[in-house]
């Protein structure tokens, strides 16, 4: 029996498969506005404190561009990725054959990888239509439970002056307050893009 796929996941797979076919292995296949904005988000995510020797999981990894950034800027990190879209996973596996990259979600019970020091998620919430707030919170909990040291994730911000219709913009203060229920060690960053924020969550006081 095939696994039932959520309508939001179906739309996500269809969109990214189409973008991949149209744009190939570029930032446009991931629906980023520019290569620079994608790279800046990677820099901010890594600012949680990832260093050589850390084991990380990239949730919604796409083409594993974050791994390419890490190889250049944080060498020695052990990278793994999961993604919904089969075409993305196939391309990422070809690009990085020594990394474990799987066609899975963070909610799959048979996730055959780990443990991880950090989990990351970049740009995975904005397309959600059905109960996006609840989906984000469930994802945060799953990611935090899989991590030993912490997680970092980003989202479009409700504080943005200009918003694109049909996309989910989270309220940073609400997300921060939710995260504080899971850990007292939480950082909100809204200092790198007017329409985007990143949150770091740690299991213990960062060194």
N, C-alpha and C. Protein backbone atom coordinates (compact mmCIF):
# COMPACT_ATOMS: atom_id res chain seq x y z
N UNK A 1 0.85 -1.19 0.00
CA UNK A 1 0.00 0.00 0.00
C UNK A 1 0.89 1.25 0.00
N UNK A 2 0.66 2.16 -0.94
CA UNK A 2 1.46 3.37 -1.02
C UNK A 2 1.07 4.35 0.09
N UNK A 3 2.04 5.12 0.53
CA UNK A 3 1.80 6.08 1.60
C UNK A 3 1.00 7.26 1.07
N UNK A 4 -0.01 7.68 1.85
CA UNK A 4 -0.84 8.81 1.47
C UNK A 4 -0.04 10.09 1.58
N UNK A 5 -0.09 10.92 0.54
CA UNK A 5 0.68 12.16 0.51
C UNK A 5 -0.26 13.33 0.76
N UNK A 6 0.12 14.21 1.66
CA UNK A 6 -0.68 15.39 2.00
C UNK A 6 -0.78 16.30 0.76
N UNK A 7 -1.94 16.92 0.54
CA UNK A 7 -2.09 17.81 -0.62
C UNK A 7 -1.02 18.91 -0.69
N UNK A 8 -0.63 19.47 0.44
CA UNK A 8 0.43 20.48 0.43
C UNK A 8 1.75 19.89 -0.05
N UNK A 9 2.02 18.66 0.36
CA UNK A 9 3.25 18.00 -0.09
C UNK A 9 3.20 17.71 -1.58
N UNK A 10 2.04 17.33 -2.08
CA UNK A 10 1.88 17.09 -3.52
C UNK A 10 2.17 18.36 -4.31
N UNK A 11 1.63 19.49 -3.83
CA UNK A 11 1.86 20.77 -4.51
C UNK A 11 3.34 21.14 -4.48
N UNK A 12 3.97 20.90 -3.34
CA UNK A 12 5.40 21.21 -3.21
C UNK A 12 6.23 20.38 -4.18
N UNK A 13 5.97 19.09 -4.22
CA UNK A 13 6.71 18.20 -5.13
C UNK A 13 6.51 18.64 -6.57
N UNK A 14 5.27 18.93 -6.94
CA UNK A 14 4.98 19.34 -8.32
C UNK A 14 5.69 20.63 -8.68
N UNK A 15 5.67 21.61 -7.76
CA UNK A 15 6.32 22.89 -8.03
C UNK A 15 7.81 22.71 -8.23
N UNK A 16 8.47 22.03 -7.30
CA UNK A 16 9.93 21.94 -7.37
C UNK A 16 10.41 21.01 -8.48
N UNK A 17 9.61 20.01 -8.81
CA UNK A 17 9.97 19.17 -9.94
C UNK A 17 9.94 20.00 -11.23
N UNK A 18 8.91 20.85 -11.35
CA UNK A 18 8.79 21.71 -12.53
C UNK A 18 9.92 22.73 -12.58
N UNK A 19 10.22 23.35 -11.44
CA UNK A 19 11.30 24.34 -11.40
C UNK A 19 12.64 23.71 -11.73
N UNK A 20 12.86 22.49 -11.26
CA UNK A 20 14.11 21.79 -11.55
C UNK A 20 14.24 21.52 -13.04
N UNK A 21 13.15 21.11 -13.67
CA UNK A 21 13.17 20.84 -15.10
C UNK A 21 13.41 22.12 -15.90
N UNK A 22 12.88 23.23 -15.41
CA UNK A 22 13.01 24.50 -16.13
C UNK A 22 14.38 25.16 -15.93
N UNK A 23 14.92 25.07 -14.71
CA UNK A 23 16.11 25.85 -14.37
C UNK A 23 17.35 25.04 -14.06
N UNK A 24 17.21 23.73 -13.95
CA UNK A 24 18.39 22.92 -13.66
C UNK A 24 18.94 23.18 -12.27
N UNK A 25 20.21 22.90 -12.08
CA UNK A 25 20.82 23.00 -10.75
C UNK A 25 21.24 24.43 -10.45
N UNK A 26 20.25 25.30 -10.29
CA UNK A 26 20.49 26.71 -9.95
C UNK A 26 19.58 27.10 -8.81
N UNK A 27 19.85 28.28 -8.24
CA UNK A 27 19.03 28.77 -7.13
C UNK A 27 17.58 28.94 -7.55
N UNK A 28 17.32 29.15 -8.83
CA UNK A 28 15.95 29.35 -9.30
C UNK A 28 15.12 28.06 -9.20
N UNK A 29 15.80 26.93 -9.24
CA UNK A 29 15.09 25.66 -9.06
C UNK A 29 14.56 25.51 -7.65
N UNK A 30 15.16 26.25 -6.71
CA UNK A 30 14.72 26.22 -5.32
C UNK A 30 13.78 27.38 -5.00
N UNK A 31 13.46 28.19 -6.01
CA UNK A 31 12.52 29.32 -5.87
C UNK A 31 13.07 30.44 -4.99
N UNK A 32 14.41 30.58 -4.94
CA UNK A 32 15.01 31.71 -4.25
C UNK A 32 15.03 32.93 -5.17
N UNK A 33 14.96 34.11 -4.57
CA UNK A 33 14.97 35.34 -5.36
C UNK A 33 16.30 35.61 -6.02
N UNK A 34 17.39 35.16 -5.37
CA UNK A 34 18.73 35.37 -5.92
C UNK A 34 19.69 34.38 -5.27
N UNK A 35 20.82 34.17 -5.94
CA UNK A 35 21.87 33.32 -5.38
C UNK A 35 22.38 33.94 -4.08
N UNK A 36 22.49 35.27 -4.06
CA UNK A 36 23.03 35.96 -2.88
C UNK A 36 22.13 35.77 -1.66
N UNK A 37 20.80 35.85 -1.87
CA UNK A 37 19.90 35.71 -0.73
C UNK A 37 19.92 34.28 -0.19
N UNK A 38 20.06 33.31 -1.08
CA UNK A 38 20.18 31.92 -0.64
C UNK A 38 21.44 31.72 0.19
N UNK A 39 22.55 32.24 -0.31
CA UNK A 39 23.83 32.08 0.39
C UNK A 39 23.83 32.81 1.73
N UNK A 40 23.19 33.98 1.79
CA UNK A 40 23.12 34.73 3.05
C UNK A 40 22.36 33.94 4.09
N UNK A 41 21.28 33.28 3.71
CA UNK A 41 20.53 32.46 4.65
C UNK A 41 21.36 31.29 5.15
N UNK A 42 22.17 30.70 4.30
CA UNK A 42 23.06 29.63 4.75
C UNK A 42 24.04 30.16 5.79
N UNK A 43 24.59 31.32 5.54
CA UNK A 43 25.54 31.93 6.49
C UNK A 43 24.88 32.15 7.84
N UNK A 44 23.65 32.65 7.82
CA UNK A 44 22.94 32.92 9.07
C UNK A 44 22.60 31.62 9.79
N UNK A 45 22.13 30.61 9.07
CA UNK A 45 21.82 29.32 9.69
C UNK A 45 23.06 28.74 10.37
N UNK A 46 24.18 28.76 9.68
CA UNK A 46 25.42 28.20 10.24
C UNK A 46 25.89 28.98 11.45
N UNK A 47 25.38 30.20 11.60
CA UNK A 47 25.76 31.02 12.74
C UNK A 47 25.31 30.48 14.08
N UNK A 48 24.51 29.42 14.07
CA UNK A 48 24.14 28.78 15.33
C UNK A 48 25.38 28.23 16.04
N UNK A 49 26.44 27.98 15.28
CA UNK A 49 27.68 27.52 15.88
C UNK A 49 28.24 26.24 15.30
N UNK A 50 27.75 25.85 14.11
CA UNK A 50 28.23 24.60 13.51
C UNK A 50 29.72 24.69 13.18
N UNK A 51 30.46 23.65 13.53
CA UNK A 51 31.91 23.62 13.34
C UNK A 51 32.35 22.24 12.84
N UNK A 52 33.62 22.15 12.51
CA UNK A 52 34.21 20.91 12.03
C UNK A 52 33.91 19.75 12.97
N UNK A 53 33.48 18.64 12.38
CA UNK A 53 33.18 17.45 13.17
C UNK A 53 31.71 17.29 13.52
N UNK A 54 30.93 18.36 13.38
CA UNK A 54 29.50 18.27 13.68
C UNK A 54 28.78 17.42 12.65
N UNK A 55 27.77 16.70 13.10
CA UNK A 55 26.89 15.93 12.21
C UNK A 55 25.59 16.71 12.08
N UNK A 56 25.18 16.99 10.85
CA UNK A 56 23.99 17.80 10.66
C UNK A 56 23.02 17.13 9.69
N UNK A 57 21.73 17.48 9.86
CA UNK A 57 20.69 17.05 8.92
C UNK A 57 20.02 18.28 8.36
N UNK A 58 19.96 18.36 7.03
CA UNK A 58 19.33 19.45 6.29
C UNK A 58 17.93 19.00 5.89
N UNK A 59 16.91 19.57 6.53
CA UNK A 59 15.52 19.17 6.31
C UNK A 59 14.94 19.99 5.16
N UNK A 60 14.51 19.29 4.10
CA UNK A 60 14.11 20.00 2.89
C UNK A 60 15.33 20.49 2.14
N UNK A 61 16.25 19.57 1.90
CA UNK A 61 17.60 19.93 1.44
C UNK A 61 17.65 20.37 -0.01
N UNK A 62 16.61 20.06 -0.82
CA UNK A 62 16.65 20.44 -2.23
C UNK A 62 17.84 19.81 -2.93
N UNK A 63 18.65 20.64 -3.55
CA UNK A 63 19.84 20.18 -4.28
C UNK A 63 21.07 20.05 -3.38
N UNK A 64 20.86 20.17 -2.07
CA UNK A 64 21.95 20.12 -1.09
C UNK A 64 22.94 21.28 -1.28
N UNK A 65 22.42 22.43 -1.67
CA UNK A 65 23.28 23.61 -1.82
C UNK A 65 23.90 24.02 -0.49
N UNK A 66 23.21 23.74 0.61
CA UNK A 66 23.78 24.06 1.92
C UNK A 66 25.06 23.26 2.15
N UNK A 67 25.09 22.03 1.67
CA UNK A 67 26.31 21.23 1.79
C UNK A 67 27.46 21.86 1.01
N UNK A 68 27.16 22.36 -0.19
CA UNK A 68 28.19 23.04 -0.98
C UNK A 68 28.73 24.25 -0.22
N UNK A 69 27.82 24.99 0.43
CA UNK A 69 28.24 26.16 1.23
C UNK A 69 29.11 25.71 2.40
N UNK A 70 28.69 24.65 3.08
CA UNK A 70 29.45 24.17 4.23
C UNK A 70 30.85 23.68 3.84
N UNK A 71 30.94 22.96 2.73
CA UNK A 71 32.25 22.47 2.27
C UNK A 71 33.22 23.63 2.07
N UNK A 72 32.70 24.72 1.56
CA UNK A 72 33.54 25.90 1.30
C UNK A 72 33.82 26.71 2.57
N UNK A 73 32.83 26.82 3.44
CA UNK A 73 32.93 27.75 4.57
C UNK A 73 33.05 27.10 5.94
N UNK A 74 32.63 25.84 6.07
CA UNK A 74 32.75 25.10 7.34
C UNK A 74 33.22 23.69 7.03
N UNK A 75 34.42 23.53 6.48
CA UNK A 75 34.88 22.20 6.08
C UNK A 75 34.95 21.24 7.27
N UNK A 76 34.67 19.97 6.99
CA UNK A 76 34.75 18.95 8.02
C UNK A 76 33.43 18.65 8.69
N UNK A 77 32.33 19.25 8.23
CA UNK A 77 31.01 18.95 8.76
C UNK A 77 30.46 17.70 8.06
N UNK A 78 29.86 16.80 8.81
CA UNK A 78 29.26 15.58 8.24
C UNK A 78 27.80 15.88 7.90
N UNK A 79 27.50 15.92 6.62
CA UNK A 79 26.20 16.37 6.13
C UNK A 79 25.31 15.22 5.72
N UNK A 80 24.02 15.33 6.06
CA UNK A 80 22.98 14.46 5.53
C UNK A 80 21.78 15.33 5.21
N UNK A 81 20.96 14.88 4.25
CA UNK A 81 19.80 15.68 3.85
C UNK A 81 18.60 14.81 3.56
N UNK A 82 17.42 15.40 3.73
CA UNK A 82 16.16 14.75 3.35
C UNK A 82 15.32 15.75 2.58
N UNK A 83 14.53 15.25 1.62
CA UNK A 83 13.68 16.13 0.83
C UNK A 83 12.50 15.35 0.27
N UNK A 84 11.39 16.09 0.06
CA UNK A 84 10.17 15.51 -0.49
C UNK A 84 10.27 15.15 -1.97
N UNK A 85 10.98 15.98 -2.71
CA UNK A 85 10.93 15.91 -4.17
C UNK A 85 11.95 14.91 -4.71
N UNK A 86 11.50 13.82 -5.33
CA UNK A 86 12.44 12.79 -5.80
C UNK A 86 13.51 13.33 -6.74
N UNK A 87 13.13 14.22 -7.66
CA UNK A 87 14.11 14.75 -8.60
C UNK A 87 15.22 15.53 -7.91
N UNK A 88 14.86 16.28 -6.88
CA UNK A 88 15.87 17.02 -6.12
C UNK A 88 16.84 16.06 -5.44
N UNK A 89 16.27 15.01 -4.84
CA UNK A 89 17.11 14.04 -4.13
C UNK A 89 18.07 13.35 -5.09
N UNK A 90 17.58 12.98 -6.26
CA UNK A 90 18.44 12.31 -7.25
C UNK A 90 19.59 13.21 -7.66
N UNK A 91 19.30 14.48 -7.93
CA UNK A 91 20.37 15.42 -8.32
C UNK A 91 21.35 15.61 -7.17
N UNK A 92 20.82 15.76 -5.95
CA UNK A 92 21.70 15.97 -4.80
C UNK A 92 22.59 14.77 -4.54
N UNK A 93 22.04 13.57 -4.70
CA UNK A 93 22.84 12.35 -4.52
C UNK A 93 23.97 12.28 -5.54
N UNK A 94 23.68 12.72 -6.76
CA UNK A 94 24.71 12.72 -7.80
C UNK A 94 25.80 13.74 -7.49
N UNK A 95 25.39 14.90 -7.01
CA UNK A 95 26.35 15.96 -6.68
C UNK A 95 27.24 15.57 -5.51
N UNK A 96 26.65 14.89 -4.51
CA UNK A 96 27.38 14.58 -3.28
C UNK A 96 27.23 13.09 -2.93
N UNK A 97 27.89 12.23 -3.69
CA UNK A 97 27.71 10.79 -3.51
C UNK A 97 28.20 10.27 -2.16
N UNK A 98 29.03 11.03 -1.46
CA UNK A 98 29.54 10.59 -0.16
C UNK A 98 28.66 11.03 1.00
N UNK A 99 27.58 11.76 0.71
CA UNK A 99 26.64 12.19 1.75
C UNK A 99 25.36 11.37 1.65
N UNK A 100 24.75 11.12 2.80
CA UNK A 100 23.48 10.39 2.81
C UNK A 100 22.35 11.39 2.58
N UNK A 101 21.69 11.28 1.44
CA UNK A 101 20.60 12.18 1.05
C UNK A 101 19.42 11.32 0.63
N UNK A 102 18.29 11.48 1.33
CA UNK A 102 17.17 10.56 1.18
C UNK A 102 15.88 11.27 0.82
N UNK A 103 15.00 10.54 0.12
CA UNK A 103 13.66 11.04 -0.21
C UNK A 103 12.74 10.73 0.97
N UNK A 104 12.87 11.54 2.01
CA UNK A 104 12.14 11.35 3.25
C UNK A 104 11.66 12.70 3.79
N UNK A 105 10.78 12.64 4.81
CA UNK A 105 10.40 13.83 5.56
C UNK A 105 10.80 13.64 7.02
N UNK A 106 10.79 14.71 7.76
CA UNK A 106 11.16 14.65 9.17
C UNK A 106 10.13 13.86 9.98
N UNK A 107 8.95 13.63 9.40
CA UNK A 107 7.89 12.90 10.10
C UNK A 107 7.90 11.41 9.80
N UNK A 108 8.74 10.96 8.87
CA UNK A 108 8.83 9.53 8.57
C UNK A 108 9.39 8.78 9.78
N UNK A 109 8.74 7.68 10.12
CA UNK A 109 9.15 6.92 11.31
C UNK A 109 10.37 6.04 11.03
N UNK A 110 10.65 5.82 9.75
CA UNK A 110 11.75 4.91 9.39
C UNK A 110 12.97 5.69 8.91
N UNK A 111 13.21 6.85 9.51
CA UNK A 111 14.34 7.69 9.10
C UNK A 111 15.65 6.99 9.52
N UNK A 112 16.40 6.43 8.56
CA UNK A 112 17.53 5.56 8.91
C UNK A 112 18.85 6.31 9.08
N UNK A 113 18.80 7.49 9.65
CA UNK A 113 20.01 8.29 9.81
C UNK A 113 20.01 8.97 11.17
N UNK A 114 21.20 9.40 11.58
CA UNK A 114 21.33 10.06 12.87
C UNK A 114 22.28 9.27 13.75
N UNK A 115 22.58 9.77 14.95
CA UNK A 115 22.09 11.01 15.54
C UNK A 115 22.77 12.24 14.93
N UNK A 116 22.23 13.42 15.24
CA UNK A 116 22.75 14.66 14.68
C UNK A 116 22.99 15.69 15.79
N UNK A 117 24.04 16.47 15.58
CA UNK A 117 24.27 17.59 16.49
C UNK A 117 23.27 18.70 16.22
N UNK A 118 23.13 19.07 14.95
CA UNK A 118 22.22 20.15 14.56
C UNK A 118 21.32 19.72 13.41
N UNK A 119 20.12 20.26 13.40
CA UNK A 119 19.23 20.15 12.25
C UNK A 119 18.94 21.54 11.72
N UNK A 120 18.80 21.64 10.39
CA UNK A 120 18.56 22.93 9.74
C UNK A 120 17.38 22.81 8.78
N UNK A 121 16.67 23.93 8.59
CA UNK A 121 15.61 24.00 7.60
C UNK A 121 15.58 25.40 7.02
N UNK A 122 15.66 25.49 5.71
CA UNK A 122 15.67 26.80 5.03
C UNK A 122 14.61 26.84 3.94
N UNK A 123 13.64 27.74 4.11
CA UNK A 123 12.64 27.96 3.08
C UNK A 123 11.62 26.85 2.92
N UNK A 124 11.29 26.14 4.00
CA UNK A 124 10.37 25.00 3.85
C UNK A 124 8.94 25.30 4.29
N UNK A 125 8.69 26.49 4.83
CA UNK A 125 7.36 26.76 5.39
C UNK A 125 6.47 27.66 4.53
N UNK A 126 7.03 28.42 3.62
CA UNK A 126 6.26 29.49 2.98
C UNK A 126 5.16 29.00 2.05
N UNK A 127 5.24 27.77 1.56
CA UNK A 127 4.24 27.25 0.63
C UNK A 127 3.06 26.57 1.33
N UNK A 128 3.14 26.39 2.63
CA UNK A 128 2.11 25.63 3.33
C UNK A 128 0.79 26.37 3.33
N UNK A 129 -0.28 25.68 2.94
CA UNK A 129 -1.62 26.28 2.86
C UNK A 129 -2.50 25.84 4.02
N UNK A 130 -2.46 24.55 4.34
CA UNK A 130 -3.34 24.00 5.38
C UNK A 130 -2.66 24.05 6.74
N UNK A 131 -3.22 24.84 7.64
CA UNK A 131 -2.71 24.96 9.01
C UNK A 131 -1.19 25.17 9.04
N UNK A 132 -0.71 26.22 8.38
CA UNK A 132 0.75 26.41 8.30
C UNK A 132 1.42 26.61 9.65
N UNK A 133 0.75 27.30 10.56
CA UNK A 133 1.33 27.52 11.90
C UNK A 133 1.53 26.19 12.63
N UNK A 134 0.51 25.35 12.58
CA UNK A 134 0.60 24.05 13.24
C UNK A 134 1.67 23.17 12.59
N UNK A 135 1.74 23.23 11.26
CA UNK A 135 2.78 22.46 10.55
C UNK A 135 4.17 22.92 10.97
N UNK A 136 4.37 24.22 11.04
CA UNK A 136 5.67 24.75 11.46
C UNK A 136 6.01 24.27 12.87
N UNK A 137 5.06 24.36 13.78
CA UNK A 137 5.33 23.97 15.16
C UNK A 137 5.64 22.48 15.27
N UNK A 138 4.90 21.65 14.53
CA UNK A 138 5.17 20.21 14.55
C UNK A 138 6.56 19.89 14.00
N UNK A 139 6.95 20.62 12.95
CA UNK A 139 8.27 20.41 12.36
C UNK A 139 9.37 20.82 13.33
N UNK A 140 9.17 21.94 14.02
CA UNK A 140 10.14 22.41 15.01
C UNK A 140 10.34 21.35 16.09
N UNK A 141 9.24 20.81 16.60
CA UNK A 141 9.33 19.79 17.65
C UNK A 141 10.09 18.56 17.15
N UNK A 142 9.76 18.08 15.95
CA UNK A 142 10.44 16.91 15.40
C UNK A 142 11.93 17.17 15.22
N UNK A 143 12.26 18.33 14.66
CA UNK A 143 13.66 18.66 14.46
C UNK A 143 14.41 18.72 15.79
N UNK A 144 13.81 19.36 16.76
CA UNK A 144 14.47 19.51 18.06
C UNK A 144 14.69 18.15 18.73
N UNK A 145 13.70 17.26 18.58
CA UNK A 145 13.82 15.93 19.17
C UNK A 145 14.94 15.12 18.52
N UNK A 146 15.23 15.37 17.25
CA UNK A 146 16.28 14.64 16.55
C UNK A 146 17.68 15.21 16.82
N UNK A 147 17.75 16.39 17.40
CA UNK A 147 19.04 17.05 17.56
C UNK A 147 19.64 16.81 18.94
N UNK A 148 20.96 16.81 19.00
CA UNK A 148 21.66 16.73 20.28
C UNK A 148 22.02 18.09 20.83
N UNK A 149 22.32 19.03 19.92
CA UNK A 149 22.76 20.35 20.37
C UNK A 149 21.76 21.45 20.06
N UNK A 150 21.10 21.37 18.89
CA UNK A 150 20.13 22.40 18.59
C UNK A 150 19.67 22.39 17.15
N UNK A 151 18.83 23.38 16.82
CA UNK A 151 18.31 23.51 15.46
C UNK A 151 18.33 24.98 15.05
N UNK A 152 18.33 25.18 13.73
CA UNK A 152 18.19 26.53 13.17
C UNK A 152 17.26 26.43 11.97
N UNK A 153 16.33 27.36 11.87
CA UNK A 153 15.39 27.36 10.76
C UNK A 153 14.99 28.80 10.44
N UNK A 154 14.51 29.01 9.22
CA UNK A 154 14.07 30.35 8.85
C UNK A 154 12.64 30.32 8.30
N UNK A 155 12.08 31.52 8.17
CA UNK A 155 10.72 31.67 7.67
C UNK A 155 10.53 33.08 7.14
N UNK A 156 9.60 33.24 6.22
CA UNK A 156 9.15 34.57 5.87
C UNK A 156 8.51 35.21 7.09
N UNK A 157 8.69 36.52 7.22
CA UNK A 157 8.30 37.24 8.43
C UNK A 157 7.04 38.08 8.25
N UNK A 158 6.14 37.98 9.21
CA UNK A 158 4.94 38.81 9.21
C UNK A 158 5.28 40.29 9.42
N UNK A 159 6.49 40.59 9.83
CA UNK A 159 6.92 41.98 10.00
C UNK A 159 7.32 42.62 8.67
N UNK A 160 7.32 41.86 7.59
CA UNK A 160 7.70 42.39 6.28
C UNK A 160 6.71 43.46 5.83
N UNK A 161 7.23 44.52 5.22
CA UNK A 161 6.37 45.58 4.68
C UNK A 161 5.67 45.13 3.41
N UNK A 162 6.39 44.40 2.57
CA UNK A 162 5.82 43.92 1.31
C UNK A 162 5.72 42.40 1.35
N UNK A 163 4.53 41.88 1.08
CA UNK A 163 4.30 40.44 1.13
C UNK A 163 3.78 39.94 -0.21
N UNK A 164 4.16 38.72 -0.55
CA UNK A 164 3.66 38.06 -1.75
C UNK A 164 2.41 37.27 -1.41
N UNK A 165 1.34 37.48 -2.15
CA UNK A 165 0.09 36.79 -1.89
C UNK A 165 0.22 35.28 -1.99
N UNK A 166 -0.49 34.58 -1.12
CA UNK A 166 -0.50 33.12 -1.16
C UNK A 166 0.66 32.45 -0.46
N UNK A 167 1.53 33.23 0.18
CA UNK A 167 2.66 32.65 0.90
C UNK A 167 2.47 32.85 2.40
N UNK A 168 3.02 31.95 3.19
CA UNK A 168 2.88 31.98 4.65
C UNK A 168 3.98 32.82 5.27
N UNK A 169 3.56 33.85 6.00
CA UNK A 169 4.47 34.72 6.74
C UNK A 169 4.21 34.51 8.23
N UNK A 170 5.17 33.93 8.92
CA UNK A 170 5.01 33.64 10.34
C UNK A 170 5.26 34.89 11.17
N UNK A 171 4.58 34.98 12.31
CA UNK A 171 4.79 36.06 13.26
C UNK A 171 6.00 35.70 14.13
N UNK A 172 7.12 36.42 13.98
CA UNK A 172 8.35 36.04 14.69
C UNK A 172 8.18 35.90 16.20
N UNK A 173 7.44 36.82 16.82
CA UNK A 173 7.27 36.76 18.27
C UNK A 173 6.51 35.51 18.69
N UNK A 174 5.51 35.12 17.91
CA UNK A 174 4.75 33.90 18.22
C UNK A 174 5.62 32.66 18.10
N UNK A 175 6.43 32.61 17.05
CA UNK A 175 7.32 31.46 16.87
C UNK A 175 8.35 31.41 18.00
N UNK A 176 8.88 32.56 18.36
CA UNK A 176 9.84 32.64 19.46
C UNK A 176 9.21 32.12 20.76
N UNK A 177 8.00 32.54 21.05
CA UNK A 177 7.33 32.11 22.27
C UNK A 177 7.06 30.62 22.26
N UNK A 178 6.71 30.07 21.09
CA UNK A 178 6.52 28.63 21.00
C UNK A 178 7.82 27.90 21.29
N UNK A 179 8.89 28.37 20.70
CA UNK A 179 10.20 27.72 20.89
C UNK A 179 10.65 27.79 22.35
N UNK A 180 10.31 28.85 23.02
CA UNK A 180 10.70 29.00 24.44
C UNK A 180 10.00 27.99 25.33
N UNK A 181 8.90 27.40 24.85
CA UNK A 181 8.25 26.34 25.60
C UNK A 181 9.07 25.05 25.56
N UNK A 182 9.91 24.92 24.53
CA UNK A 182 10.74 23.73 24.36
C UNK A 182 12.12 23.89 24.96
N UNK A 183 12.62 25.12 24.96
CA UNK A 183 13.96 25.39 25.49
C UNK A 183 14.07 26.85 25.89
N UNK A 184 14.78 27.14 26.99
CA UNK A 184 14.99 28.54 27.36
C UNK A 184 16.10 29.20 26.54
N UNK A 185 16.82 28.40 25.77
CA UNK A 185 17.98 28.91 25.03
C UNK A 185 17.62 29.13 23.57
N UNK A 186 17.04 30.27 23.29
CA UNK A 186 16.49 30.58 21.98
C UNK A 186 16.97 31.96 21.52
N UNK A 187 17.32 32.05 20.23
CA UNK A 187 17.78 33.32 19.65
C UNK A 187 16.93 33.62 18.42
N UNK A 188 16.43 34.85 18.33
CA UNK A 188 15.71 35.32 17.14
C UNK A 188 16.59 36.29 16.38
N UNK A 189 16.79 36.02 15.08
CA UNK A 189 17.55 36.93 14.22
C UNK A 189 16.64 37.49 13.13
N UNK A 190 16.56 38.81 13.12
CA UNK A 190 15.77 39.51 12.10
C UNK A 190 16.63 40.65 11.55
N UNK A 191 17.92 40.37 11.40
CA UNK A 191 18.90 41.43 11.12
C UNK A 191 19.59 41.28 9.77
N UNK A 192 19.09 40.39 8.91
CA UNK A 192 19.81 40.11 7.67
C UNK A 192 18.94 40.26 6.42
N UNK A 193 17.62 40.36 6.62
CA UNK A 193 16.68 40.49 5.49
C UNK A 193 15.38 41.06 6.04
N UNK A 194 14.78 42.06 5.37
CA UNK A 194 13.57 42.69 5.92
C UNK A 194 12.34 41.80 5.95
N UNK A 195 12.36 40.72 5.19
CA UNK A 195 11.17 39.87 5.11
C UNK A 195 11.41 38.45 5.58
N UNK A 196 12.46 38.24 6.35
CA UNK A 196 12.86 36.88 6.72
C UNK A 196 13.44 36.90 8.13
N UNK A 197 13.21 35.80 8.87
CA UNK A 197 13.86 35.68 10.18
C UNK A 197 14.36 34.26 10.38
N UNK A 198 15.32 34.13 11.28
CA UNK A 198 15.90 32.83 11.63
C UNK A 198 15.86 32.66 13.13
N UNK A 199 15.60 31.46 13.56
CA UNK A 199 15.63 31.14 14.99
C UNK A 199 16.64 30.04 15.25
N UNK A 200 17.44 30.23 16.31
CA UNK A 200 18.32 29.20 16.83
C UNK A 200 17.69 28.67 18.12
N UNK A 201 17.68 27.35 18.27
CA UNK A 201 17.25 26.72 19.53
C UNK A 201 18.34 25.76 19.97
N UNK A 202 18.73 25.89 21.25
CA UNK A 202 19.77 25.04 21.82
C UNK A 202 19.20 24.18 22.94
N UNK A 203 19.80 23.01 23.12
CA UNK A 203 19.41 22.16 24.24
C UNK A 203 20.02 22.62 25.55
N UNK A 204 21.15 23.27 25.47
CA UNK A 204 21.79 23.81 26.67
C UNK A 204 22.46 25.12 26.31
N UNK A 205 22.95 25.82 27.27
CA UNK A 205 23.56 27.13 27.04
C UNK A 205 24.70 26.99 26.05
N UNK A 206 24.65 27.72 24.92
CA UNK A 206 25.75 27.61 23.92
C UNK A 206 27.05 28.11 24.49
N UNK A 207 28.12 27.42 24.12
CA UNK A 207 29.45 27.79 24.63
C UNK A 207 29.96 29.01 23.88
